[in-house]
């Protein structure tokens, strides 16, 4: 078996790596910045927001989400009527890994108290986030083909937070909105209090 080395000059002179160029590109669409905000919503056609069949996948990034209340989850729901109401039937799974600063507690578990089954309520993407000045949460959420009128709408998210008891919490959520109607708006909010600071960016994947 031979080993192929790719040196710095080889990388510098390369113009393409296989079919990477055909994997699609990420296009920035909209950024919302929280300032004691009760909700942050992305509504198709509103102030430059795109949530239609322009893209088959949408990505939301959450940076330094800081709550006003201590120990609160960042929650998520969708709309099929342009944001007039939020409460699309959803089912998901929720599991987490935690580790505290004192190195005395570790855990990897499925959390039945945080998942939803055919629910129309807002549901969590994170563990509870602490409200101390340095505490916050960050996450990435993928929403797949929300404009489809044939299939349910799948989503996956990964989040990382520092909670009120100095636990690092890494949470994985995956599920689907059980509707064949187009999803054209999404909303994010905490289960108590306001989002004091942080931003959410929306991208489309071509």
N, C-alpha and C. Protein backbone atom coordinates (compact mmCIF):
# COMPACT_ATOMS: atom_id res chain seq x y z
N UNK A 1 0.85 -1.19 0.00
CA UNK A 1 0.00 0.00 0.00
C UNK A 1 0.88 1.23 0.00
N UNK A 2 0.61 2.16 -0.89
CA UNK A 2 1.42 3.38 -0.97
C UNK A 2 0.72 4.50 -0.21
N UNK A 3 1.52 5.40 0.33
CA UNK A 3 1.02 6.57 1.04
C UNK A 3 1.30 7.80 0.20
N UNK A 4 0.26 8.56 -0.10
CA UNK A 4 0.40 9.76 -0.92
C UNK A 4 0.48 10.97 -0.01
N UNK A 5 1.54 11.75 -0.17
CA UNK A 5 1.70 12.96 0.62
C UNK A 5 1.27 14.16 -0.22
N UNK A 6 0.51 15.05 0.40
CA UNK A 6 0.10 16.29 -0.26
C UNK A 6 0.81 17.42 0.47
N UNK A 7 1.89 17.95 -0.16
CA UNK A 7 2.66 18.97 0.53
C UNK A 7 2.03 20.35 0.36
N UNK A 8 2.63 21.34 1.00
CA UNK A 8 2.06 22.69 0.96
C UNK A 8 1.98 23.23 -0.46
N UNK A 9 2.99 22.94 -1.28
CA UNK A 9 2.98 23.43 -2.65
C UNK A 9 1.86 22.78 -3.44
N UNK A 10 1.61 21.48 -3.15
CA UNK A 10 0.53 20.79 -3.85
C UNK A 10 -0.82 21.40 -3.53
N UNK A 11 -1.02 21.74 -2.26
CA UNK A 11 -2.27 22.38 -1.85
C UNK A 11 -2.40 23.75 -2.50
N UNK A 12 -1.30 24.49 -2.52
CA UNK A 12 -1.32 25.84 -3.08
C UNK A 12 -1.69 25.82 -4.55
N UNK A 13 -1.21 24.81 -5.28
CA UNK A 13 -1.43 24.76 -6.72
C UNK A 13 -2.74 24.08 -7.11
N UNK A 14 -3.38 23.44 -6.14
CA UNK A 14 -4.62 22.73 -6.47
C UNK A 14 -5.73 23.71 -6.77
N UNK A 15 -6.52 23.40 -7.78
CA UNK A 15 -7.66 24.26 -8.16
C UNK A 15 -8.99 23.61 -7.80
N UNK A 16 -9.01 22.31 -7.55
CA UNK A 16 -10.25 21.62 -7.17
C UNK A 16 -9.91 20.35 -6.43
N UNK A 17 -10.73 19.98 -5.46
CA UNK A 17 -10.56 18.75 -4.71
C UNK A 17 -11.77 17.86 -5.01
N UNK A 18 -11.60 16.94 -5.91
CA UNK A 18 -12.70 16.02 -6.23
C UNK A 18 -13.94 16.78 -6.67
N UNK A 19 -15.07 16.44 -6.04
CA UNK A 19 -16.34 17.06 -6.42
C UNK A 19 -16.85 17.99 -5.34
N UNK A 20 -15.93 18.55 -4.52
CA UNK A 20 -16.35 19.42 -3.45
C UNK A 20 -17.21 20.57 -3.98
N UNK A 21 -16.87 21.09 -5.15
CA UNK A 21 -17.59 22.24 -5.70
C UNK A 21 -19.04 21.92 -6.00
N UNK A 22 -19.39 20.64 -6.09
CA UNK A 22 -20.77 20.28 -6.41
C UNK A 22 -21.61 20.03 -5.17
N UNK A 23 -21.02 20.24 -3.98
CA UNK A 23 -21.75 19.95 -2.75
C UNK A 23 -22.71 21.06 -2.36
N UNK A 24 -22.68 22.19 -3.04
CA UNK A 24 -23.57 23.29 -2.71
C UNK A 24 -22.87 24.34 -1.88
N UNK A 25 -23.49 25.52 -1.81
CA UNK A 25 -22.90 26.63 -1.08
C UNK A 25 -23.88 27.17 -0.06
N UNK A 26 -23.35 27.83 0.96
CA UNK A 26 -24.15 28.42 2.01
C UNK A 26 -24.31 29.91 1.73
N UNK A 27 -25.55 30.37 1.69
CA UNK A 27 -25.85 31.76 1.39
C UNK A 27 -26.46 32.43 2.61
N UNK A 28 -25.84 33.51 3.07
CA UNK A 28 -26.39 34.26 4.20
C UNK A 28 -27.68 34.95 3.79
N UNK A 29 -28.70 34.85 4.65
CA UNK A 29 -30.00 35.45 4.35
C UNK A 29 -30.35 36.58 5.30
N UNK A 30 -30.29 36.33 6.60
CA UNK A 30 -30.77 37.33 7.57
C UNK A 30 -30.17 37.08 8.94
N UNK A 31 -29.89 38.17 9.66
CA UNK A 31 -29.41 38.10 11.04
C UNK A 31 -30.36 38.87 11.94
N UNK A 32 -30.78 38.25 13.04
CA UNK A 32 -31.59 38.90 14.06
C UNK A 32 -30.76 39.00 15.33
N UNK A 33 -30.72 40.19 15.91
CA UNK A 33 -29.95 40.41 17.14
C UNK A 33 -30.91 40.71 18.28
N UNK A 34 -30.77 39.95 19.36
CA UNK A 34 -31.66 40.11 20.51
C UNK A 34 -31.24 41.29 21.36
N UNK A 35 -32.23 41.97 21.90
CA UNK A 35 -32.02 43.03 22.88
C UNK A 35 -33.24 43.04 23.78
N UNK A 36 -33.18 42.25 24.86
CA UNK A 36 -34.35 42.04 25.73
C UNK A 36 -35.57 41.64 24.91
N UNK A 37 -35.38 40.68 24.02
CA UNK A 37 -36.42 40.27 23.07
C UNK A 37 -37.21 39.08 23.62
N UNK A 38 -38.54 39.19 23.58
CA UNK A 38 -39.38 38.08 24.00
C UNK A 38 -39.32 36.94 23.00
N UNK A 39 -39.25 37.28 21.71
CA UNK A 39 -39.18 36.28 20.64
C UNK A 39 -38.28 36.80 19.53
N UNK A 40 -37.76 35.87 18.75
CA UNK A 40 -37.07 36.18 17.50
C UNK A 40 -37.68 35.29 16.43
N UNK A 41 -38.23 35.91 15.37
CA UNK A 41 -38.97 35.16 14.36
C UNK A 41 -38.44 35.44 12.97
N UNK A 42 -38.41 34.38 12.16
CA UNK A 42 -38.06 34.49 10.74
C UNK A 42 -39.31 34.14 9.94
N UNK A 43 -39.83 35.12 9.19
CA UNK A 43 -41.06 34.94 8.44
C UNK A 43 -40.77 35.16 6.96
N UNK A 44 -41.11 34.18 6.14
CA UNK A 44 -40.84 34.26 4.70
C UNK A 44 -41.43 35.54 4.12
N UNK A 45 -40.60 36.26 3.34
CA UNK A 45 -41.05 37.47 2.67
C UNK A 45 -41.03 38.71 3.53
N UNK A 46 -40.61 38.59 4.79
CA UNK A 46 -40.58 39.73 5.70
C UNK A 46 -39.16 40.25 5.85
N UNK A 47 -38.91 41.46 5.35
CA UNK A 47 -37.62 42.13 5.53
C UNK A 47 -36.44 41.27 5.08
N UNK A 48 -36.57 40.68 3.90
CA UNK A 48 -35.47 39.94 3.31
C UNK A 48 -35.37 38.48 3.71
N UNK A 49 -36.28 38.00 4.54
CA UNK A 49 -36.24 36.61 4.95
C UNK A 49 -36.74 35.71 3.82
N UNK A 50 -36.01 34.62 3.58
CA UNK A 50 -36.40 33.63 2.59
C UNK A 50 -36.61 32.29 3.29
N UNK A 51 -37.82 31.77 3.24
CA UNK A 51 -38.11 30.41 3.73
C UNK A 51 -39.08 29.78 2.75
N UNK A 52 -38.58 29.51 1.54
CA UNK A 52 -39.43 28.94 0.51
C UNK A 52 -38.63 27.91 -0.27
N UNK A 53 -39.04 27.60 -1.50
CA UNK A 53 -38.35 26.56 -2.25
C UNK A 53 -37.08 27.04 -2.94
N UNK A 54 -36.62 28.24 -2.57
CA UNK A 54 -35.32 28.71 -3.08
C UNK A 54 -34.21 27.77 -2.64
N UNK A 55 -34.33 27.25 -1.42
CA UNK A 55 -33.33 26.32 -0.88
C UNK A 55 -34.04 25.08 -0.33
N UNK A 56 -33.36 23.94 -0.42
CA UNK A 56 -33.91 22.70 0.13
C UNK A 56 -33.51 22.50 1.59
N UNK A 57 -32.53 23.26 2.05
CA UNK A 57 -32.09 23.17 3.44
C UNK A 57 -31.81 24.56 3.96
N UNK A 58 -32.25 24.83 5.18
CA UNK A 58 -31.97 26.10 5.85
C UNK A 58 -31.22 25.82 7.14
N UNK A 59 -30.26 26.69 7.45
CA UNK A 59 -29.43 26.54 8.64
C UNK A 59 -29.54 27.80 9.49
N UNK A 60 -29.78 27.60 10.78
CA UNK A 60 -29.81 28.70 11.75
C UNK A 60 -28.61 28.54 12.68
N UNK A 61 -27.86 29.61 12.89
CA UNK A 61 -26.77 29.59 13.87
C UNK A 61 -27.13 30.53 15.01
N UNK A 62 -26.87 30.07 16.23
CA UNK A 62 -27.20 30.82 17.44
C UNK A 62 -25.89 31.15 18.14
N UNK A 63 -25.64 32.43 18.36
CA UNK A 63 -24.38 32.86 18.95
C UNK A 63 -24.62 33.62 20.25
N UNK A 64 -24.06 33.09 21.34
CA UNK A 64 -24.07 33.75 22.64
C UNK A 64 -25.48 34.18 23.07
N UNK A 65 -26.41 33.22 23.05
CA UNK A 65 -27.77 33.50 23.51
C UNK A 65 -27.76 33.62 25.03
N UNK A 66 -28.07 34.81 25.52
CA UNK A 66 -27.98 35.10 26.96
C UNK A 66 -29.37 35.43 27.50
N UNK A 67 -29.86 34.67 28.48
CA UNK A 67 -31.22 34.88 28.99
C UNK A 67 -31.27 35.90 30.13
N UNK A 68 -32.47 36.49 30.31
CA UNK A 68 -32.69 37.36 31.46
C UNK A 68 -32.99 36.56 32.71
N UNK A 69 -33.62 35.40 32.55
CA UNK A 69 -33.97 34.53 33.68
C UNK A 69 -32.93 33.41 33.78
N UNK A 70 -32.78 32.86 34.96
CA UNK A 70 -31.78 31.83 35.20
C UNK A 70 -32.35 30.44 34.92
N UNK A 71 -31.58 29.62 34.21
CA UNK A 71 -31.96 28.24 34.00
C UNK A 71 -33.14 28.05 33.09
N UNK A 72 -33.07 28.62 31.88
CA UNK A 72 -34.18 28.52 30.93
C UNK A 72 -33.71 27.91 29.61
N UNK A 73 -34.63 27.18 28.96
CA UNK A 73 -34.36 26.55 27.67
C UNK A 73 -34.63 27.53 26.53
N UNK A 74 -33.90 27.36 25.44
CA UNK A 74 -34.24 28.02 24.18
C UNK A 74 -35.20 27.11 23.43
N UNK A 75 -36.39 27.62 23.12
CA UNK A 75 -37.45 26.83 22.52
C UNK A 75 -37.72 27.24 21.08
N UNK A 76 -38.43 26.36 20.36
CA UNK A 76 -38.57 26.44 18.90
C UNK A 76 -39.97 26.00 18.52
N UNK A 77 -40.56 26.68 17.52
CA UNK A 77 -41.78 26.21 16.89
C UNK A 77 -41.86 26.81 15.49
N UNK A 78 -42.82 26.31 14.69
CA UNK A 78 -42.94 26.72 13.30
C UNK A 78 -44.38 27.12 12.98
N UNK A 79 -44.54 27.71 11.79
CA UNK A 79 -45.84 28.19 11.35
C UNK A 79 -46.05 27.82 9.89
N UNK A 80 -47.31 27.54 9.53
CA UNK A 80 -47.68 27.30 8.13
C UNK A 80 -48.55 28.42 7.59
N UNK A 81 -48.76 29.48 8.39
CA UNK A 81 -49.62 30.58 7.96
C UNK A 81 -48.92 31.94 8.04
N UNK A 82 -47.63 31.93 7.76
CA UNK A 82 -46.88 33.18 7.71
C UNK A 82 -46.69 33.85 9.05
N UNK A 83 -46.69 33.08 10.12
CA UNK A 83 -46.44 33.62 11.44
C UNK A 83 -47.67 34.13 12.17
N UNK A 84 -48.85 33.91 11.60
CA UNK A 84 -50.07 34.30 12.32
C UNK A 84 -50.24 33.48 13.58
N UNK A 85 -49.77 32.23 13.55
CA UNK A 85 -49.77 31.38 14.73
C UNK A 85 -48.63 30.39 14.61
N UNK A 86 -48.16 29.92 15.77
CA UNK A 86 -47.07 28.95 15.82
C UNK A 86 -47.55 27.75 16.63
N UNK A 87 -47.54 26.58 16.02
CA UNK A 87 -48.00 25.39 16.73
C UNK A 87 -48.19 24.22 15.79
N UNK A 88 -47.17 23.95 14.97
CA UNK A 88 -47.22 22.82 14.04
C UNK A 88 -46.92 21.54 14.82
N UNK A 89 -47.69 20.50 14.58
CA UNK A 89 -47.52 19.23 15.30
C UNK A 89 -46.12 18.67 15.06
N UNK A 90 -45.42 18.36 16.15
CA UNK A 90 -44.02 17.92 16.05
C UNK A 90 -43.75 16.72 16.95
N UNK A 91 -42.82 15.89 16.52
CA UNK A 91 -42.29 14.78 17.32
C UNK A 91 -40.77 14.83 17.22
N UNK A 92 -40.08 14.65 18.36
CA UNK A 92 -38.61 14.69 18.31
C UNK A 92 -38.00 13.77 19.36
N UNK A 93 -36.68 13.68 19.32
CA UNK A 93 -35.90 12.98 20.34
C UNK A 93 -34.90 13.97 20.91
N UNK A 94 -34.45 13.71 22.16
CA UNK A 94 -33.61 14.67 22.87
C UNK A 94 -32.64 13.89 23.76
N UNK A 95 -31.35 14.03 23.50
CA UNK A 95 -30.38 13.44 24.42
C UNK A 95 -29.24 14.40 24.65
N UNK A 96 -28.54 14.21 25.76
CA UNK A 96 -27.57 15.20 26.19
C UNK A 96 -26.36 14.57 26.87
N UNK A 97 -25.26 15.30 26.82
CA UNK A 97 -24.05 14.97 27.57
C UNK A 97 -23.75 16.16 28.47
N UNK A 98 -23.45 15.89 29.75
CA UNK A 98 -23.14 16.97 30.69
C UNK A 98 -21.87 16.66 31.46
N UNK A 99 -21.21 17.74 31.91
CA UNK A 99 -19.98 17.62 32.70
C UNK A 99 -19.83 18.92 33.48
N UNK A 100 -19.62 18.83 34.80
CA UNK A 100 -19.52 20.06 35.58
C UNK A 100 -18.08 20.50 35.77
N UNK A 101 -17.92 21.77 36.18
CA UNK A 101 -16.59 22.37 36.31
C UNK A 101 -15.74 21.69 37.38
N UNK A 102 -16.37 21.16 38.41
CA UNK A 102 -15.62 20.51 39.49
C UNK A 102 -15.23 19.08 39.15
N UNK A 103 -15.62 18.60 37.96
CA UNK A 103 -15.25 17.27 37.48
C UNK A 103 -15.78 16.16 38.38
N UNK A 104 -16.96 16.40 38.98
CA UNK A 104 -17.55 15.40 39.86
C UNK A 104 -18.76 14.70 39.25
N UNK A 105 -19.30 15.26 38.17
CA UNK A 105 -20.51 14.68 37.57
C UNK A 105 -20.39 14.65 36.05
N UNK A 106 -20.63 13.48 35.48
CA UNK A 106 -20.72 13.35 34.04
C UNK A 106 -21.93 12.48 33.72
N UNK A 107 -22.52 12.72 32.54
CA UNK A 107 -23.71 11.95 32.19
C UNK A 107 -23.96 12.02 30.70
N UNK A 108 -24.38 10.91 30.14
CA UNK A 108 -24.88 10.86 28.77
C UNK A 108 -26.23 10.15 28.83
N UNK A 109 -27.31 10.85 28.44
CA UNK A 109 -28.63 10.27 28.68
C UNK A 109 -29.66 10.78 27.68
N UNK A 110 -30.69 9.94 27.50
CA UNK A 110 -31.88 10.36 26.78
C UNK A 110 -32.82 10.98 27.80
N UNK A 111 -33.44 12.13 27.45
CA UNK A 111 -34.27 12.84 28.41
C UNK A 111 -35.72 12.84 27.94
N UNK A 112 -36.54 11.99 28.55
CA UNK A 112 -37.94 11.88 28.17
C UNK A 112 -38.76 13.09 28.61
N UNK A 113 -38.21 13.88 29.53
CA UNK A 113 -38.92 15.07 29.98
C UNK A 113 -38.79 16.25 29.04
N UNK A 114 -37.91 16.13 28.06
CA UNK A 114 -37.66 17.25 27.15
C UNK A 114 -38.11 16.97 25.72
N UNK A 115 -38.37 15.70 25.38
CA UNK A 115 -38.82 15.42 24.02
C UNK A 115 -40.32 15.69 23.88
N UNK A 116 -40.82 15.69 22.66
CA UNK A 116 -42.24 15.89 22.41
C UNK A 116 -42.74 14.80 21.47
N UNK A 117 -44.04 14.48 21.58
CA UNK A 117 -44.66 13.48 20.72
C UNK A 117 -46.01 14.03 20.26
N UNK A 118 -46.07 14.38 18.98
CA UNK A 118 -47.28 14.94 18.39
C UNK A 118 -47.79 16.13 19.21
N UNK A 119 -46.86 17.03 19.51
CA UNK A 119 -47.16 18.21 20.31
C UNK A 119 -47.21 19.46 19.43
N UNK A 120 -48.06 20.41 19.82
CA UNK A 120 -48.12 21.69 19.12
C UNK A 120 -47.50 22.80 19.96
N UNK A 121 -46.88 22.45 21.08
CA UNK A 121 -46.25 23.43 21.96
C UNK A 121 -44.84 23.76 21.48
N UNK A 122 -44.28 24.86 21.97
CA UNK A 122 -42.87 25.13 21.78
C UNK A 122 -42.07 24.07 22.51
N UNK A 123 -40.94 23.67 21.95
CA UNK A 123 -40.13 22.61 22.55
C UNK A 123 -38.67 23.00 22.55
N UNK A 124 -37.86 22.42 23.49
CA UNK A 124 -36.49 22.90 23.71
C UNK A 124 -35.48 22.38 22.70
N UNK A 125 -34.53 23.25 22.38
CA UNK A 125 -33.35 22.88 21.60
C UNK A 125 -32.11 22.79 22.47
N UNK A 126 -32.19 23.30 23.71
CA UNK A 126 -31.03 23.36 24.59
C UNK A 126 -31.37 22.81 25.97
N UNK A 127 -30.35 22.65 26.79
CA UNK A 127 -30.51 22.53 28.23
C UNK A 127 -30.77 23.91 28.81
N UNK A 128 -31.18 24.01 30.09
CA UNK A 128 -31.32 25.31 30.71
C UNK A 128 -30.01 26.10 30.69
N UNK A 129 -30.11 27.37 30.33
CA UNK A 129 -28.96 28.26 30.20
C UNK A 129 -28.90 29.16 31.43
N UNK A 130 -27.70 29.36 31.98
CA UNK A 130 -27.53 30.25 33.13
C UNK A 130 -27.58 31.71 32.73
N UNK A 131 -27.92 32.57 33.70
CA UNK A 131 -28.06 34.00 33.40
C UNK A 131 -26.91 34.85 33.94
N UNK A 132 -25.90 34.23 34.58
CA UNK A 132 -24.72 35.00 34.98
C UNK A 132 -24.13 35.71 33.77
N UNK A 133 -23.40 36.79 34.01
CA UNK A 133 -22.92 37.64 32.92
C UNK A 133 -22.13 36.89 31.85
N UNK A 134 -21.40 35.84 32.26
CA UNK A 134 -20.55 35.14 31.30
C UNK A 134 -21.22 33.90 30.71
N UNK A 135 -22.46 33.62 31.08
CA UNK A 135 -23.10 32.37 30.64
C UNK A 135 -23.99 32.61 29.42
N UNK A 136 -24.03 31.61 28.54
CA UNK A 136 -24.79 31.74 27.30
C UNK A 136 -24.94 30.37 26.67
N UNK A 137 -25.63 30.35 25.54
CA UNK A 137 -25.77 29.12 24.77
C UNK A 137 -25.54 29.38 23.29
N UNK A 138 -25.01 28.38 22.61
CA UNK A 138 -24.77 28.46 21.17
C UNK A 138 -25.32 27.19 20.53
N UNK A 139 -25.73 27.27 19.25
CA UNK A 139 -26.35 26.11 18.62
C UNK A 139 -26.35 26.25 17.10
N UNK A 140 -26.61 25.13 16.45
CA UNK A 140 -26.85 25.07 15.00
C UNK A 140 -28.09 24.23 14.77
N UNK A 141 -29.03 24.75 13.98
CA UNK A 141 -30.27 24.05 13.66
C UNK A 141 -30.39 23.92 12.14
N UNK A 142 -30.68 22.70 11.67
CA UNK A 142 -30.92 22.45 10.25
C UNK A 142 -32.41 22.14 10.06
N UNK A 143 -33.04 22.85 9.12
CA UNK A 143 -34.43 22.60 8.75
C UNK A 143 -34.45 22.21 7.29
N UNK A 144 -35.01 21.04 6.98
CA UNK A 144 -34.90 20.47 5.65
C UNK A 144 -36.20 20.64 4.86
N UNK A 145 -36.05 21.22 3.67
CA UNK A 145 -37.11 21.33 2.66
C UNK A 145 -38.45 21.78 3.26
N UNK A 146 -38.47 22.95 3.92
CA UNK A 146 -39.70 23.38 4.59
C UNK A 146 -40.85 23.72 3.64
N UNK A 147 -40.56 23.94 2.37
CA UNK A 147 -41.63 24.31 1.43
C UNK A 147 -42.30 23.11 0.78
N UNK A 148 -41.85 21.90 1.09
CA UNK A 148 -42.44 20.70 0.50
C UNK A 148 -43.92 20.59 0.85
N UNK A 149 -44.73 20.22 -0.13
CA UNK A 149 -46.15 19.93 0.12
C UNK A 149 -46.43 18.43 0.00
N UNK A 150 -45.36 17.64 0.01
CA UNK A 150 -45.47 16.18 -0.08
C UNK A 150 -45.03 15.49 1.20
N UNK A 151 -43.93 15.98 1.81
CA UNK A 151 -43.30 15.28 2.92
C UNK A 151 -43.40 16.05 4.23
N UNK A 152 -43.21 15.33 5.35
CA UNK A 152 -43.04 15.98 6.64
C UNK A 152 -41.72 16.75 6.61
N UNK A 153 -41.51 17.64 7.59
CA UNK A 153 -40.36 18.54 7.59
C UNK A 153 -39.40 18.15 8.72
N UNK A 154 -38.26 17.58 8.37
CA UNK A 154 -37.28 17.13 9.36
C UNK A 154 -36.39 18.29 9.82
N UNK A 155 -35.88 18.15 11.04
CA UNK A 155 -34.92 19.12 11.59
C UNK A 155 -33.96 18.39 12.52
N UNK A 156 -32.76 18.91 12.63
CA UNK A 156 -31.77 18.43 13.59
C UNK A 156 -31.07 19.64 14.20
N UNK A 157 -30.65 19.52 15.46
CA UNK A 157 -29.90 20.61 16.09
C UNK A 157 -28.88 20.05 17.06
N UNK A 158 -27.81 20.82 17.22
CA UNK A 158 -26.80 20.55 18.24
C UNK A 158 -26.56 21.85 18.99
N UNK A 159 -26.55 21.79 20.31
CA UNK A 159 -26.33 23.00 21.10
C UNK A 159 -25.31 22.75 22.20
N UNK A 160 -24.71 23.84 22.65
CA UNK A 160 -23.74 23.81 23.74
C UNK A 160 -24.03 24.99 24.65
N UNK A 161 -24.21 24.70 25.95
CA UNK A 161 -24.55 25.77 26.89
C UNK A 161 -23.73 25.65 28.17
N UNK A 162 -23.73 26.73 28.95
CA UNK A 162 -23.24 26.71 30.33
C UNK A 162 -24.44 27.02 31.21
N UNK A 163 -24.78 26.10 32.12
CA UNK A 163 -26.02 26.29 32.86
C UNK A 163 -25.79 26.97 34.21
N UNK A 164 -26.88 27.12 34.97
CA UNK A 164 -26.85 27.88 36.22
C UNK A 164 -26.03 27.21 37.30
N UNK A 165 -25.74 25.92 37.14
CA UNK A 165 -24.96 25.17 38.14
C UNK A 165 -23.57 24.83 37.63
N UNK A 166 -23.11 25.57 36.64
CA UNK A 166 -21.77 25.42 36.07
C UNK A 166 -21.56 24.06 35.40
N UNK A 167 -22.61 23.58 34.75
CA UNK A 167 -22.51 22.39 33.93
C UNK A 167 -22.34 22.78 32.46
N UNK A 168 -21.42 22.13 31.79
CA UNK A 168 -21.35 22.19 30.33
C UNK A 168 -22.37 21.19 29.80
N UNK A 169 -23.27 21.65 28.93
CA UNK A 169 -24.32 20.79 28.41
C UNK A 169 -24.34 20.77 26.90
N UNK A 170 -24.15 19.59 26.33
CA UNK A 170 -24.17 19.40 24.88
C UNK A 170 -25.43 18.60 24.54
N UNK A 171 -26.35 19.20 23.79
CA UNK A 171 -27.67 18.61 23.55
C UNK A 171 -27.86 18.34 22.06
N UNK A 172 -28.45 17.17 21.77
CA UNK A 172 -28.74 16.76 20.39
C UNK A 172 -30.25 16.53 20.26
N UNK A 173 -30.86 17.25 19.34
CA UNK A 173 -32.30 17.13 19.11
C UNK A 173 -32.53 16.81 17.64
N UNK A 174 -33.43 15.87 17.37
CA UNK A 174 -33.80 15.56 15.99
C UNK A 174 -35.27 15.20 15.94
N UNK A 175 -35.96 15.65 14.90
CA UNK A 175 -37.37 15.33 14.81
C UNK A 175 -37.98 15.80 13.51
N UNK A 176 -39.31 15.92 13.52
CA UNK A 176 -40.00 16.36 12.31
C UNK A 176 -41.30 17.07 12.67
N UNK A 177 -41.68 18.00 11.82
CA UNK A 177 -43.00 18.61 11.89
C UNK A 177 -43.92 17.76 11.03
N UNK A 178 -44.98 17.28 11.65
CA UNK A 178 -45.86 16.32 10.98
C UNK A 178 -46.92 17.06 10.16
N UNK A 179 -46.46 17.69 9.08
CA UNK A 179 -47.36 18.41 8.19
C UNK A 179 -46.84 18.32 6.77
N UNK A 180 -47.75 18.27 5.81
CA UNK A 180 -47.36 18.37 4.40
C UNK A 180 -47.63 19.77 3.87
N UNK A 181 -48.04 20.69 4.74
CA UNK A 181 -48.15 22.10 4.36
C UNK A 181 -46.77 22.75 4.42
N UNK A 182 -46.57 23.78 3.66
CA UNK A 182 -45.29 24.49 3.67
C UNK A 182 -45.09 25.20 5.01
N UNK A 183 -43.90 25.07 5.56
CA UNK A 183 -43.52 25.87 6.73
C UNK A 183 -42.89 27.15 6.21
N UNK A 184 -43.46 28.28 6.61
CA UNK A 184 -42.99 29.57 6.07
C UNK A 184 -42.62 30.57 7.16
N UNK A 185 -42.53 30.11 8.39
CA UNK A 185 -42.06 30.97 9.48
C UNK A 185 -41.62 30.10 10.64
N UNK A 186 -40.61 30.55 11.38
CA UNK A 186 -40.17 29.86 12.60
C UNK A 186 -39.94 30.91 13.68
N UNK A 187 -40.13 30.49 14.91
CA UNK A 187 -39.96 31.41 16.05
C UNK A 187 -39.13 30.74 17.12
N UNK A 188 -38.30 31.55 17.79
CA UNK A 188 -37.47 31.10 18.90
C UNK A 188 -37.77 31.97 20.12
N UNK A 189 -37.85 31.33 21.28
CA UNK A 189 -38.10 32.05 22.52
C UNK A 189 -37.61 31.20 23.68
N UNK A 190 -37.43 31.84 24.84
CA UNK A 190 -37.07 31.12 26.05
C UNK A 190 -38.35 30.68 26.75
N UNK A 191 -38.23 29.66 27.60
CA UNK A 191 -39.45 29.22 28.29
C UNK A 191 -39.83 30.13 29.44
N UNK A 192 -38.99 31.13 29.73
CA UNK A 192 -39.31 32.17 30.71
C UNK A 192 -38.39 33.36 30.47
N UNK A 193 -38.93 34.56 30.57
CA UNK A 193 -38.11 35.75 30.41
C UNK A 193 -37.75 36.04 28.98
N UNK A 194 -36.84 37.01 28.82
CA UNK A 194 -36.44 37.49 27.50
C UNK A 194 -35.06 37.00 27.11
N UNK A 195 -34.77 37.09 25.81
CA UNK A 195 -33.41 36.88 25.31
C UNK A 195 -32.71 38.23 25.42
N UNK A 196 -31.86 38.38 26.42
CA UNK A 196 -31.20 39.66 26.67
C UNK A 196 -30.24 40.04 25.56
N UNK A 197 -29.51 39.06 25.06
CA UNK A 197 -28.47 39.33 24.05
C UNK A 197 -28.23 38.08 23.22
N UNK A 198 -27.49 38.26 22.14
CA UNK A 198 -27.17 37.16 21.24
C UNK A 198 -27.77 37.40 19.87
N UNK A 199 -27.38 36.57 18.92
CA UNK A 199 -27.94 36.72 17.58
C UNK A 199 -28.21 35.35 16.96
N UNK A 200 -29.14 35.37 16.02
CA UNK A 200 -29.48 34.19 15.24
C UNK A 200 -29.35 34.55 13.77
N UNK A 201 -28.57 33.76 13.03
CA UNK A 201 -28.38 33.97 11.59
C UNK A 201 -29.04 32.86 10.80
N UNK A 202 -29.62 33.23 9.67
CA UNK A 202 -30.28 32.28 8.77
C UNK A 202 -29.49 32.17 7.47
N UNK A 203 -29.25 30.93 7.04
CA UNK A 203 -28.54 30.66 5.80
C UNK A 203 -29.35 29.67 4.96
N UNK A 204 -29.20 29.77 3.66
CA UNK A 204 -29.78 28.78 2.75
C UNK A 204 -28.69 27.95 2.12
N UNK A 205 -28.95 26.65 1.94
CA UNK A 205 -27.99 25.75 1.31
C UNK A 205 -28.48 25.42 -0.08
N UNK A 206 -27.69 25.81 -1.06
CA UNK A 206 -28.09 25.60 -2.46
C UNK A 206 -27.94 24.14 -2.83
